[in-house]
C-alpha atoms as a PDB file:
ATOM      1  CA  MET A   1     -13.832   7.096  -5.106  1.00  0.00           C
ATOM      2  CA  ASP A   2     -10.494   5.403  -6.872  1.00  0.00           C
ATOM      3  CA  ARG A   3     -10.635   7.521  -9.598  1.00  0.00           C
ATOM      4  CA  ARG A   4     -11.218  10.665  -7.548  1.00  0.00           C
ATOM      5  CA  LEU A   5      -8.828   9.884  -4.873  1.00  0.00           C
ATOM      6  CA  LEU A   6      -5.927   9.685  -8.026  1.00  0.00           C
ATOM      7  CA  ALA A   7      -7.475  12.998  -9.919  1.00  0.00           C
ATOM      8  CA  ALA A   8      -7.155  14.640  -6.130  1.00  0.00           C
ATOM      9  CA  VAL A   9      -2.849  12.956  -5.466  1.00  0.00           C
ATOM     10  CA  ALA A  10      -2.417  14.514  -8.987  1.00  0.00           C
ATOM     11  CA  ALA A  11      -4.142  17.605  -8.160  1.00  0.00           C
ATOM     12  CA  VAL A  12      -1.756  17.467  -4.748  1.00  0.00           C
ATOM     13  CA  ARG A  13       1.087  16.677  -6.437  1.00  0.00           C
ATOM     14  CA  HIS A  14       0.671  19.523  -9.306  1.00  0.00           C
ATOM     15  CA  VAL A  15       0.580  22.146  -6.926  1.00  0.00           C
ATOM     16  CA  GLU A  16       3.469  20.982  -4.410  1.00  0.00           C
ATOM     17  CA  GLY A  17       5.338  20.767  -7.750  1.00  0.00           C
ATOM     18  CA  GLU A  18       4.748  23.889  -8.559  1.00  0.00           C
ATOM     19  CA  HIS A  19       5.851  25.319  -5.507  1.00  0.00           C
ATOM     20  CA  ALA A  20       9.085  22.794  -5.800  1.00  0.00           C
ATOM     21  CA  GLY A  21       9.755  24.281  -8.944  1.00  0.00           C
ATOM     22  CA  LEU A  22       9.394  20.864 -10.287  1.00  0.00           C
ATOM     23  CA  ALA A  23       6.257  21.602 -12.828  1.00  0.00           C
ATOM     24  CA  SER A  24       7.993  23.178 -15.979  1.00  0.00           C
ATOM     25  CA  GLY A  25       6.289  21.946 -18.962  1.00  0.00           C
ATOM     26  CA  ILE A  26       3.125  20.448 -16.632  1.00  0.00           C
ATOM     27  CA  ILE A  27       0.057  22.703 -17.529  1.00  0.00           C
ATOM     28  CA  GLU A  28      -2.639  21.983 -15.187  1.00  0.00           C
ATOM     29  CA  ALA A  29      -4.999  20.068 -17.505  1.00  0.00           C
ATOM     30  CA  GLU A  30      -1.974  17.427 -17.116  1.00  0.00           C
ATOM     31  CA  ALA A  31      -1.827  17.054 -13.709  1.00  0.00           C
ATOM     32  CA  GLU A  32      -2.292  13.053 -14.684  1.00  0.00           C
ATOM     33  CA  ALA A  33       1.347  13.223 -15.078  1.00  0.00           C
ATOM     34  CA  TRP A  34       2.348  13.190 -11.304  1.00  0.00           C
ATOM     35  CA  LEU A  35       0.512  10.219 -11.542  1.00  0.00           C
ATOM     36  CA  ALA A  36       3.894   8.264 -13.301  1.00  0.00           C
ATOM     37  CA  PRO A  37       5.949   6.727 -10.699  1.00  0.00           C
ATOM     38  CA  ALA A  38       9.013   8.163 -11.621  1.00  0.00           C
ATOM     39  CA  ARG A  39       7.449  11.456 -11.485  1.00  0.00           C
ATOM     40  CA  ALA A  40       5.344  10.955  -7.638  1.00  0.00           C
ATOM     41  CA  PHE A  41       9.363   9.559  -6.515  1.00  0.00           C
ATOM     42  CA  MET A  42      11.018  12.616  -8.117  1.00  0.00           C
ATOM     43  CA  LEU A  43       9.233  15.122  -6.222  1.00  0.00           C
ATOM     44  CA  ARG A  44       8.465  13.199  -2.661  1.00  0.00           C
ATOM     45  CA  GLY A  45      11.261  11.058  -2.415  1.00  0.00           C
ATOM     46  CA  THR A  46      13.632  11.226   0.453  1.00  0.00           C
ATOM     47  CA  ARG A  47      16.455   8.478   0.065  1.00  0.00           C
ATOM     48  CA  GLN A  48      17.556   6.140  -3.096  1.00  0.00           C
ATOM     49  CA  ILE A  49      15.586   3.011  -3.404  1.00  0.00           C
ATOM     50  CA  PRO A  50      17.385   0.096  -2.732  1.00  0.00           C
ATOM     51  CA  ALA A  51      16.593  -1.711  -6.024  1.00  0.00           C
ATOM     52  CA  GLN A  52      17.623  -3.311  -9.236  1.00  0.00           C
ATOM     53  CA  PRO A  53      15.631  -3.916 -12.463  1.00  0.00           C
ATOM     54  CA  LEU A  54      13.072  -6.979 -12.413  1.00  0.00           C
ATOM     55  CA  ALA A  55      13.830  -9.800 -15.811  1.00  0.00           C
ATOM     56  CA  PRO A  56      11.319  -9.535 -17.999  1.00  0.00           C
ATOM     57  CA  GLN A  57       9.801 -13.078 -17.179  1.00  0.00           C
ATOM     58  CA  ARG A  58       9.595 -11.995 -13.807  1.00  0.00           C
ATOM     59  CA  LEU A  59       7.509  -8.709 -14.730  1.00  0.00           C
ATOM     60  CA  ARG A  60       5.000 -10.969 -16.867  1.00  0.00           C
ATOM     61  CA  MET A  61       4.700 -12.880 -13.667  1.00  0.00           C
ATOM     62  CA  ILE A  62       3.278  -9.711 -11.980  1.00  0.00           C
ATOM     63  CA  LYS A  63       1.265  -9.332 -14.844  1.00  0.00           C
ATOM     64  CA  ASP A  64      -0.248 -12.287 -14.618  1.00  0.00           C
ATOM     65  CA  VAL A  65      -0.596 -12.421 -10.605  1.00  0.00           C
ATOM     66  CA  LEU A  66      -2.582  -8.803 -11.329  1.00  0.00           C
ATOM     67  CA  SER A  67      -4.896 -10.580 -13.442  1.00  0.00           C
ATOM     68  CA  GLU A  68      -5.924 -13.577 -11.788  1.00  0.00           C
ATOM     69  CA  LEU A  69      -6.216 -10.829  -8.428  1.00  0.00           C
ATOM     70  CA  ALA A  70      -8.960  -8.925 -11.166  1.00  0.00           C
ATOM     71  CA  ALA A  71     -10.669 -12.005 -11.850  1.00  0.00           C
ATOM     72  CA  VAL A  72     -11.069 -13.124  -8.278  1.00  0.00           C
ATOM     73  CA  VAL A  73     -12.095  -9.474  -7.221  1.00  0.00           C
ATOM     74  CA  PRO A  74     -13.927  -7.956  -9.765  1.00  0.00           C
ATOM     75  CA  ALA A  75     -14.131  -4.926  -8.006  1.00  0.00           C
ATOM     76  CA  TRP A  76     -10.462  -4.214  -7.438  1.00  0.00           C
ATOM     77  CA  ARG A  77     -10.080  -4.371 -11.467  1.00  0.00           C
ATOM     78  CA  LEU A  78      -8.968  -0.345 -11.397  1.00  0.00           C
ATOM     79  CA  LEU A  79      -7.205  -0.710  -8.457  1.00  0.00           C
ATOM     80  CA  LEU A  80      -4.602  -3.122 -10.008  1.00  0.00           C
ATOM     81  CA  GLU A  81      -4.170  -0.521 -12.729  1.00  0.00           C
ATOM     82  CA  LEU A  82      -2.402   2.023 -10.479  1.00  0.00           C
ATOM     83  CA  PRO A  83       0.686   3.066 -12.195  1.00  0.00           C
ATOM     84  CA  ILE A  84       3.265   0.873 -10.082  1.00  0.00           C
ATOM     85  CA  ARG A  85       7.076   0.208 -10.591  1.00  0.00           C
ATOM     86  CA  TYR A  86       7.797  -3.043  -9.893  1.00  0.00           C
ATOM     87  CA  ALA A  87      11.686  -3.672  -8.863  1.00  0.00           C
ATOM     88  CA  LEU A  88      13.923  -5.945  -7.125  1.00  0.00           C
ATOM     89  CA  LEU A  89      14.300  -5.822  -3.639  1.00  0.00           C
ATOM     90  CA  ASP A  90      18.361  -5.399  -3.920  1.00  0.00           C
ATOM     91  CA  THR A  91      19.214  -5.684   0.181  1.00  0.00           C
ATOM     92  CA  ALA A  92      16.416  -7.982   1.198  1.00  0.00           C
ATOM     93  CA  ASN A  93      17.862  -8.631   4.983  1.00  0.00           C
ATOM     94  CA  GLY A  94      14.751 -11.024   5.236  1.00  0.00           C
ATOM     95  CA  ALA A  95      12.698  -9.158   3.959  1.00  0.00           C
ATOM     96  CA  ILE A  96      10.414 -10.759   0.696  1.00  0.00           C
ATOM     97  CA  SER A  97       8.828  -7.477  -0.443  1.00  0.00           C
ATOM     98  CA  ALA A  98       9.035  -3.694   0.996  1.00  0.00           C
ATOM     99  CA  SER A  99       7.284  -0.425   0.112  1.00  0.00           C
ATOM    100  CA  SER A 100       7.282   2.932   1.713  1.00  0.00           C
ATOM    101  CA  ARG A 101       5.702   6.254   1.709  1.00  0.00           C
ATOM    102  CA  ALA A 102       9.688   7.789   0.766  1.00  0.00           C
ATOM    103  CA  TRP A 103       8.976   5.381  -2.521  1.00  0.00           C
ATOM    104  CA  PRO A 104       5.955   6.568  -3.913  1.00  0.00           C
ATOM    105  CA  GLN A 105       4.047   3.781  -6.276  1.00  0.00           C
ATOM    106  CA  HIS A 106       7.316   1.708  -6.163  1.00  0.00           C
ATOM    107  CA  ILE A 107       7.055  -2.178  -4.969  1.00  0.00           C
ATOM    108  CA  LEU A 108      10.104  -3.893  -4.076  1.00  0.00           C
ATOM    109  CA  LEU A 109      10.228  -7.172  -4.154  1.00  0.00           C
ATOM    110  CA  ALA A 110      12.586  -9.858  -3.217  1.00  0.00           C
ATOM    111  CA  ASP A 111      13.518 -13.480  -4.573  1.00  0.00           C
ATOM    112  CA  GLU A 112      12.050 -15.541  -2.637  1.00  0.00           C
ATOM    113  CA  ALA A 113       8.717 -13.514  -3.365  1.00  0.00           C
ATOM    114  CA  PHE A 114       8.766 -15.504  -6.812  1.00  0.00           C
ATOM    115  CA  SER A 115       9.007 -18.910  -5.334  1.00  0.00           C
ATOM    116  CA  ASN A 116       5.596 -19.599  -6.278  1.00  0.00           C
ATOM    117  CA  PRO A 117       2.276 -18.008  -7.620  1.00  0.00           C
ATOM    118  CA  ALA A 118       0.852 -18.154  -4.771  1.00  0.00           C
ATOM    119  CA  GLU A 119       3.384 -15.883  -2.556  1.00  0.00           C
ATOM    120  CA  LEU A 120       3.889 -13.508  -5.430  1.00  0.00           C
ATOM    121  CA  ARG A 121       0.220 -12.481  -5.130  1.00  0.00           C
ATOM    122  CA  GLU A 122       0.276 -12.093  -1.303  1.00  0.00           C
ATOM    123  CA  GLN A 123       3.215  -9.866  -1.679  1.00  0.00           C
ATOM    124  CA  VAL A 124       2.288  -7.886  -4.543  1.00  0.00           C
ATOM    125  CA  LEU A 125      -1.437  -8.022  -2.919  1.00  0.00           C
ATOM    126  CA  HIS A 126       0.563  -6.795   0.467  1.00  0.00           C
ATOM    127  CA  GLU A 127       2.233  -3.814  -1.033  1.00  0.00           C
ATOM    128  CA  LEU A 128      -0.163  -2.349  -3.391  1.00  0.00           C
ATOM    129  CA  THR A 129      -2.673  -2.467  -0.425  1.00  0.00           C
ATOM    130  CA  HIS A 130       0.080   0.004   1.193  1.00  0.00           C
ATOM    131  CA  GLN A 131       0.337   2.154  -1.757  1.00  0.00           C
ATOM    132  CA  TRP A 132      -3.106   3.265  -1.853  1.00  0.00           C
ATOM    133  CA  LEU A 133      -2.925   3.899   1.808  1.00  0.00           C
ATOM    134  CA  TYR A 134       0.213   6.243   1.037  1.00  0.00           C
ATOM    135  CA  LEU A 135      -2.260   7.762  -1.473  1.00  0.00           C
ATOM    136  CA  VAL A 136      -4.880   8.311   0.523  1.00  0.00           C
ATOM    137  CA  GLN A 137      -2.374   9.960   3.174  1.00  0.00           C
ATOM    138  CA  GLU A 138      -0.915  12.636   0.601  1.00  0.00           C
ATOM    139  CA  VAL A 139      -4.598  14.095   0.248  1.00  0.00           C
ATOM    140  CA  TRP A 140      -5.658  13.459   4.161  1.00  0.00           C
ATOM    141  CA  ALA A 141      -3.636  12.990   7.083  1.00  0.00           C
ATOM    142  CA  LEU A 142      -4.310  10.232   9.077  1.00  0.00           C
ATOM    143  CA  GLN A 143      -2.773  10.391  12.655  1.00  0.00           C
ATOM    144  CA  SER A 144      -2.857  13.555  14.931  1.00  0.00           C
ATOM    145  CA  PRO A 145       0.582  15.772  15.254  1.00  0.00           C
ATOM    146  CA  GLY A 146       3.590  14.441  17.574  1.00  0.00           C
ATOM    147  CA  ALA A 147       1.741  11.349  17.571  1.00  0.00           C
ATOM    148  CA  GLY A 148       3.488   8.560  19.431  1.00  0.00           C
ATOM    149  CA  THR A 149       4.516   4.792  18.285  1.00  0.00           C
ATOM    150  CA  PHE A 150       2.768   1.441  18.340  1.00  0.00           C
ATOM    151  CA  THR A 151       4.099  -2.108  19.185  1.00  0.00           C
ATOM    152  CA  LEU A 152       1.896  -4.602  16.626  1.00  0.00           C
ATOM    153  CA  PRO A 153       0.988  -7.531  17.305  1.00  0.00           C
ATOM    154  CA  SER A 154       3.493  -9.215  15.903  1.00  0.00           C
ATOM    155  CA  GLY A 155       6.365  -7.945  17.473  1.00  0.00           C
ATOM    156  CA  THR A 156       7.305  -5.185  16.021  1.00  0.00           C
ATOM    157  CA  THR A 157       8.245  -2.142  17.365  1.00  0.00           C
ATOM    158  CA  GLY A 158       7.793   1.843  16.776  1.00  0.00           C
ATOM    159  CA  ARG A 159       4.987   1.759  14.024  1.00  0.00           C
ATOM    160  CA  GLU A 160       3.076   5.157  13.895  1.00  0.00           C
ATOM    161  CA  PRO A 161      -0.797   4.995  13.776  1.00  0.00           C
ATOM    162  CA  ALA A 162      -1.089   5.119  10.105  1.00  0.00           C
ATOM    163  CA  GLU A 163       1.070   2.541   9.666  1.00  0.00           C
ATOM    164  CA  VAL A 164      -1.181   0.499  12.367  1.00  0.00           C
ATOM    165  CA  LEU A 165      -3.728   1.314  10.461  1.00  0.00           C
ATOM    166  CA  GLY A 166      -1.967  -0.137   7.345  1.00  0.00           C
ATOM    167  CA  ALA A 167      -1.505  -3.569   8.993  1.00  0.00           C
ATOM    168  CA  ALA A 168      -4.804  -3.965   9.743  1.00  0.00           C
ATOM    169  CA  LEU A 169      -6.100  -2.631   6.132  1.00  0.00           C
ATOM    170  CA  VAL A 170      -3.510  -5.605   4.887  1.00  0.00           C
ATOM    171  CA  ALA A 171      -4.948  -8.096   6.913  1.00  0.00           C
ATOM    172  CA  ALA A 172      -8.536  -6.924   5.789  1.00  0.00           C
ATOM    173  CA  THR A 173      -7.743  -7.270   2.092  1.00  0.00           C
ATOM    174  CA  LEU A 174      -5.856 -10.343   2.272  1.00  0.00           C
ATOM    175  CA  LEU A 175      -8.785 -11.879   4.284  1.00  0.00           C
ATOM    176  CA  ARG A 176     -10.983 -10.701   1.296  1.00  0.00           C
ATOM    177  CA  LEU A 177      -8.877 -11.711  -1.347  1.00  0.00           C
ATOM    178  CA  TYR A 178      -8.925 -15.624   0.502  1.00  0.00           C
ATOM    179  CA  ARG A 179     -12.774 -15.341   1.238  1.00  0.00           C
ATOM    180  CA  ALA A 180     -13.421 -15.120  -2.745  1.00  0.00           C
ATOM    181  CA  SER A 181     -11.314 -18.065  -3.251  1.00  0.00           C
ATOM    182  CA  PRO A 182     -12.346 -20.702  -0.609  1.00  0.00           C
ATOM    183  CA  GLY A 183     -10.112 -23.637  -0.154  1.00  0.00           C
ATOM    184  CA  GLN A 184      -6.841 -21.303  -1.280  1.00  0.00           C
ATOM    185  CA  GLN A 185      -5.889 -20.619   2.413  1.00  0.00           C
ATOM    186  CA  PRO A 186      -6.399 -23.126   6.026  1.00  0.00           C
ATOM    187  CA  ALA A 187      -9.477 -21.922   8.264  1.00  0.00           C
ATOM    188  CA  GLU A 188      -6.440 -21.330  11.228  1.00  0.00           C
ATOM    189  CA  ARG A 189      -4.160 -18.987   8.420  1.00  0.00           C
ATOM    190  CA  LEU A 190      -7.550 -16.775   8.344  1.00  0.00           C
ATOM    191  CA  GLY A 191      -8.556 -16.981  11.988  1.00  0.00           C
ATOM    192  CA  ARG A 192      -4.929 -15.774  12.354  1.00  0.00           C
ATOM    193  CA  LEU A 193      -5.412 -12.543   9.865  1.00  0.00           C
ATOM    194  CA  SER A 194      -8.402 -12.067  11.474  1.00  0.00           C
ATOM    195  CA  VAL A 195      -7.294 -11.702  15.024  1.00  0.00           C
ATOM    196  CA  TYR A 196      -4.090 -10.024  13.485  1.00  0.00           C
ATOM    197  CA  GLY A 197      -6.131  -6.999  12.405  1.00  0.00           C
ATOM    198  CA  ALA A 198      -8.500  -6.684  15.268  1.00  0.00           C
ATOM    199  CA  GLY A 199      -5.495  -6.584  17.307  1.00  0.00           C
ATOM    200  CA  CYS A 200      -4.170  -3.592  15.668  1.00  0.00           C
ATOM    201  CA  LEU A 201      -7.412  -1.749  15.859  1.00  0.00           C
ATOM    202  CA  ALA A 202      -8.037  -2.231  19.374  1.00  0.00           C
ATOM    203  CA  LEU A 203      -4.304  -0.600  19.701  1.00  0.00           C
ATOM    204  CA  LEU A 204      -5.521   2.821  18.055  1.00  0.00           C
ATOM    205  CA  ALA A 205      -9.111   2.186  20.037  1.00  0.00           C
ATOM    206  CA  ASP A 206      -7.101   2.727  23.280  1.00  0.00           C
ATOM    207  CA  ARG A 207      -5.408   5.809  22.091  1.00  0.00           C
ATOM    208  CA  ASP A 208      -7.876   7.073  19.773  1.00  0.00           C
ATOM    209  CA  GLU A 209      -6.638  10.160  19.752  1.00  0.00           C
ATOM    210  CA  GLU A 210      -3.545  10.154  18.143  1.00  0.00           C
ATOM    211  CA  LEU A 211      -6.148   9.276  14.836  1.00  0.00           C
ATOM    212  CA  THR A 212      -7.735  12.414  12.801  1.00  0.00           C
ATOM    213  CA  ASP A 213     -11.424  11.876  12.064  1.00  0.00           C
ATOM    214  CA  ALA A 214     -10.176  10.447   8.639  1.00  0.00           C
ATOM    215  CA  GLY A 215      -7.968   7.841  10.323  1.00  0.00           C
ATOM    216  CA  ARG A 216     -10.605   6.918  12.697  1.00  0.00           C
ATOM    217  CA  GLN A 217     -13.370   6.578   9.526  1.00  0.00           C
ATOM    218  CA  ILE A 218     -10.747   3.845   8.064  1.00  0.00           C
ATOM    219  CA  ALA A 219     -10.806   2.243  11.394  1.00  0.00           C
ATOM    220  CA  ARG A 220     -14.210   2.126  11.095  1.00  0.00           C
ATOM    221  CA  ARG A 221     -14.524   0.500   7.924  1.00  0.00           C
ATOM    222  CA  LEU A 222     -11.867  -1.777   8.522  1.00  0.00           C
ATOM    223  CA  LYS A 223     -13.486  -3.239  11.822  1.00  0.00           C
ATOM    224  CA  GLU A 224     -16.541  -4.207   9.891  1.00  0.00           C
ATOM    225  CA  ALA A 225     -14.427  -5.702   6.512  1.00  0.00           C
ATOM    226  CA  LEU A 226     -12.502  -7.581   9.502  1.00  0.00           C
END
C-alpha cells in the first residue's frame, strides 16, 4: 500500500503542479520528483515554516532512530524511508515536535526532543505518523465538507475530524511500537494510550456523518488496532 499511495500522491501533485504552472521540466514519467520535500512544499506550503537547519550530529541521531524503529517493527521499514526534511523547531512555545499539512514532508523537532534517544524515537514516530495520514488526505478526503470541530480527550480544542483520526492513529502507532518492545514503557502508559485512542474514536462515532467513507474505514481499522 505504501508504494501505491506514494505513486498516487505523486500523480495528484503532478496534475496540480501543471495546473499551477509549476511543472515545467517535469514530464509525467518523472512524477516521482513531486515526492521531494522541497517540491511538495512549493506546491502545498501555505505559510512560512518556523524552522532552522539541524546540526549534522542531530541528523545522525535521527538516522539512528529510524534504523532502530525499522529493526523493532520490520513492517515499517519502507514507511520510515519516506523523504522527510527534518529541521529544528525555531519557536517551540512548549511543543517538542510539530508537523502540518501546510508543510508537506517536513518534521520540526525542538531541542527537548533530543534530550534522550527514547524521547527522540517517540517524537519522530509521532510526526511520521501524521505525515503518512497527510499523504492519504492528498488522495482521499477523510471528512465531510463543512465538518465541525472536536475537543480531544486531552482537552485540546478546535480539532477537525481528520485531526481526531490523526490523534487516534498516533496512539495506535505508539502502542504497536511498545507492544513490539516489551518493557520499554510501563503498563500504565500503554493503558493511557489505548484509552486516549479509543476516546478519540468514540468522539467520531458520535458524529459519524462528519467522516467520509474513507475516514470511517480508517476509524474501523484503528478500532481494531487499539
